[in-house]
Protein backbone atom coordinates (compact mmCIF):
# COMPACT_ATOMS: atom_id res chain seq x y z
CA MET A 1 24.86 -5.34 15.11
CA GLU A 2 27.73 -4.40 12.84
CA PHE A 3 27.96 -2.02 9.92
CA GLY A 4 30.73 -2.12 7.40
CA SER A 5 31.63 -2.05 3.75
CA ALA A 6 31.34 -5.23 1.76
CA SER A 7 34.65 -6.33 0.30
CA GLU A 8 33.12 -7.62 -2.97
CA SER A 9 30.87 -4.64 -3.69
CA LYS A 10 30.70 -0.90 -3.22
CA GLY A 11 27.58 -1.25 -1.06
CA ILE A 12 27.08 -1.37 2.68
CA TYR A 13 26.20 -4.51 4.53
CA VAL A 14 24.49 -4.94 7.88
CA GLU A 15 25.16 -8.02 9.95
CA VAL A 16 22.53 -8.55 12.59
CA ARG A 17 23.68 -10.61 15.54
CA SER A 18 21.89 -9.67 18.72
CA ALA A 19 19.45 -6.91 17.79
CA ALA A 20 15.79 -7.36 18.59
CA LEU A 21 13.49 -8.24 15.70
CA GLY A 22 11.83 -4.81 15.84
CA GLN A 23 15.20 -3.07 15.54
CA CYS A 24 16.21 -5.29 12.63
CA CYS A 25 12.96 -4.56 10.78
CA ARG A 26 13.39 -0.82 11.32
CA ILE A 27 17.04 -0.80 10.20
CA LEU A 28 16.28 -2.81 7.07
CA THR A 29 13.28 -0.63 6.22
CA ILE A 30 15.36 2.52 6.62
CA ALA A 31 18.07 0.96 4.42
CA TRP A 32 15.48 0.21 1.75
CA CYS A 33 14.12 3.79 1.95
CA LEU A 34 17.65 5.18 1.66
CA TRP A 35 18.23 3.06 -1.44
CA PHE A 36 14.87 4.15 -2.90
CA HIS A 37 15.56 7.85 -2.30
CA ARG A 38 19.11 7.48 -3.62
CA ASN A 39 17.55 6.27 -6.88
CA LEU A 40 15.16 9.23 -6.88
CA ILE A 41 18.13 11.59 -6.52
CA VAL A 42 20.06 9.89 -9.32
CA TRP A 43 17.22 9.43 -11.79
CA LYS A 44 14.78 12.26 -10.98
CA GLN A 45 17.00 14.82 -9.21
CA THR A 46 14.72 14.92 -6.16
CA ASP A 47 16.06 15.88 -2.77
CA VAL A 48 14.67 14.74 0.58
CA PHE A 49 15.92 15.42 4.10
CA ALA A 50 17.28 12.42 6.00
CA ALA A 51 14.75 12.92 8.82
CA GLU A 52 11.91 12.68 6.27
CA ILE A 53 13.33 9.41 4.90
CA VAL A 54 13.46 7.92 8.41
CA ALA A 55 9.91 9.14 9.13
CA LYS A 56 8.68 7.56 5.87
CA ALA A 57 10.40 4.30 6.76
CA ASP A 58 8.77 4.27 10.19
CA ARG A 59 5.33 5.03 8.69
CA PHE A 60 5.79 2.29 6.08
CA LEU A 61 6.79 -0.26 8.72
CA THR A 62 3.83 0.67 10.95
CA GLU A 63 1.38 0.46 8.04
CA TRP A 64 2.88 -2.89 6.97
CA LYS A 65 2.42 -4.33 10.47
CA ASP A 66 -1.13 -2.93 10.67
CA ALA A 67 -2.02 -4.38 7.26
CA ARG A 68 -0.81 -7.85 8.25
CA ALA A 69 -2.75 -7.72 11.53
CA VAL A 70 -5.93 -6.59 9.78
CA PHE A 71 -5.54 -9.24 7.08
CA THR A 72 -5.19 -11.98 9.68
CA ARG A 73 -8.19 -10.73 11.66
CA VAL A 74 -10.45 -10.28 8.62
CA GLN A 75 -9.52 -13.51 6.86
CA ARG A 76 -9.70 -15.50 10.13
CA PHE A 77 -6.76 -17.72 9.36
CA SER A 78 -3.11 -17.62 10.24
CA MET A 79 -0.45 -15.94 8.13
CA SER A 80 0.92 -19.39 7.26
CA PHE A 81 -1.67 -19.53 4.47
CA VAL A 82 -0.70 -16.17 2.94
CA ASN A 83 1.85 -17.73 0.59
CA SER A 84 -0.58 -20.41 -0.57
CA ARG A 85 -2.01 -20.26 -4.06
CA VAL A 86 -5.05 -18.03 -4.54
CA ASP A 87 -7.19 -18.68 -7.60
CA TRP A 88 -9.37 -16.07 -9.24
CA GLU A 89 -13.04 -16.94 -9.40
CA LYS A 90 -15.64 -15.40 -11.68
CA LEU A 91 -18.39 -13.47 -9.90
CA VAL A 92 -21.82 -15.03 -9.76
CA VAL A 93 -24.63 -13.44 -11.78
CA ASP A 94 -26.17 -10.33 -10.18
CA LEU A 95 -23.08 -9.77 -8.04
CA PHE A 96 -20.89 -6.72 -8.61
CA LYS A 97 -17.34 -6.01 -7.55
CA CYS A 98 -15.98 -2.63 -6.53
CA ASN A 99 -12.21 -2.16 -6.37
CA VAL A 100 -10.83 0.92 -4.62
CA GLY A 101 -7.28 2.08 -4.06
CA ALA A 102 -5.49 5.15 -2.81
CA ALA A 103 -2.06 6.70 -2.45
CA SER A 104 -0.64 9.80 -0.79
CA SER A 105 2.53 11.74 -1.49
CA PHE A 106 3.94 13.65 1.45
CA ARG A 107 6.54 15.21 -0.83
CA LEU A 108 3.96 16.51 -3.32
CA GLY A 109 1.32 17.22 -0.67
CA CYS A 110 -1.47 15.45 -2.52
CA SER A 111 -3.53 12.27 -2.44
CA SER A 112 -5.17 10.19 -5.13
CA PHE A 113 -7.85 7.58 -5.12
CA SER A 114 -9.52 5.38 -7.68
CA ALA A 115 -12.60 3.19 -7.82
CA ILE A 116 -14.12 0.89 -10.41
CA ILE A 117 -17.29 -1.22 -10.51
CA TRP A 118 -17.39 -4.52 -12.47
CA ASP A 119 -20.11 -7.06 -13.13
CA HIS A 120 -19.91 -10.86 -13.41
CA ASN A 121 -18.89 -10.55 -17.11
CA SER A 122 -15.96 -8.25 -16.21
CA THR A 123 -17.81 -5.33 -17.76
CA CYS A 124 -16.82 -2.02 -16.24
CA PHE A 125 -19.86 0.01 -15.23
CA ARG A 126 -18.15 3.03 -13.81
CA GLY A 127 -14.72 4.14 -12.67
CA CYS A 128 -12.73 7.17 -11.63
CA SER A 129 -9.25 8.26 -10.72
CA VAL A 130 -8.97 11.49 -8.74
CA THR A 131 -5.99 13.47 -7.45
CA ILE A 132 -6.62 16.13 -4.82
CA ASN A 133 -4.22 18.78 -3.60
CA THR A 134 -4.83 17.84 0.02
CA MET A 135 -2.70 15.49 2.07
CA TRP A 136 -4.84 12.61 3.39
CA GLU A 137 -3.85 9.46 5.19
CA VAL A 138 -4.15 6.56 2.72
CA ARG A 139 -7.06 5.07 4.68
CA MET A 140 -8.95 8.37 4.46
CA ALA A 141 -8.32 8.59 0.71
CA GLU A 142 -9.65 5.03 0.34
CA LEU A 143 -12.73 6.02 2.32
CA LEU A 144 -13.30 8.85 -0.18
CA ALA A 145 -13.11 6.28 -3.00
CA ILE A 146 -15.58 4.03 -1.19
CA ARG A 147 -17.96 6.94 -0.62
CA GLU A 148 -17.82 7.84 -4.31
CA ALA A 149 -18.43 4.21 -5.33
CA LEU A 150 -21.37 3.90 -2.94
CA SER A 151 -23.00 6.95 -4.51
CA TRP A 152 -22.64 5.30 -7.96
CA MET A 153 -24.15 2.08 -6.69
CA ASN A 154 -27.13 4.01 -5.37
CA THR A 155 -27.57 5.76 -8.74
CA LEU A 156 -27.18 2.49 -10.70
CA ASN A 157 -29.51 0.57 -8.32
CA VAL A 158 -26.74 -1.95 -7.60
CA ALA A 159 -27.35 -3.90 -4.40
CA ASN A 160 -25.09 -6.97 -4.27
CA VAL A 161 -21.52 -5.67 -4.13
CA VAL A 162 -18.19 -7.14 -3.06
CA LEU A 163 -15.85 -4.34 -2.00
CA GLU A 164 -12.08 -4.79 -2.36
CA SER A 165 -9.60 -2.30 -1.04
């Protein structure tokens, strides 16, 4: 592996020759995180320690690998189909859809989650977006969103639900 300055640009290039795939992925993820945090410094005057940037890169890479493994296991088909076209289909009558999402900020020390319930006509029945001043893993924050949505479904007497996270 070689590092050097590109002659045409002011950037840094990395030429990977004999590094293992895992090392290449980690180096490129760290490079992306460095670029991202450089932009935060320039545009938002934020400051982060280098060790924190590397830790974030490692967490991101681990979560990315875990997400791909889970997707393959849940969908029961190989990753070769991931890039194929996916068409949206309208829900059948009496079926509801619940979308949940979450995010955590280590820098701000908080987590947020959101949930929304739709019917087959794309009518929103209920939704929320919550930020809490507690640092949760993203999966835990999503579980909080799911728990909140399940309580709504119980109140609304909704039984047939597709959950998307």
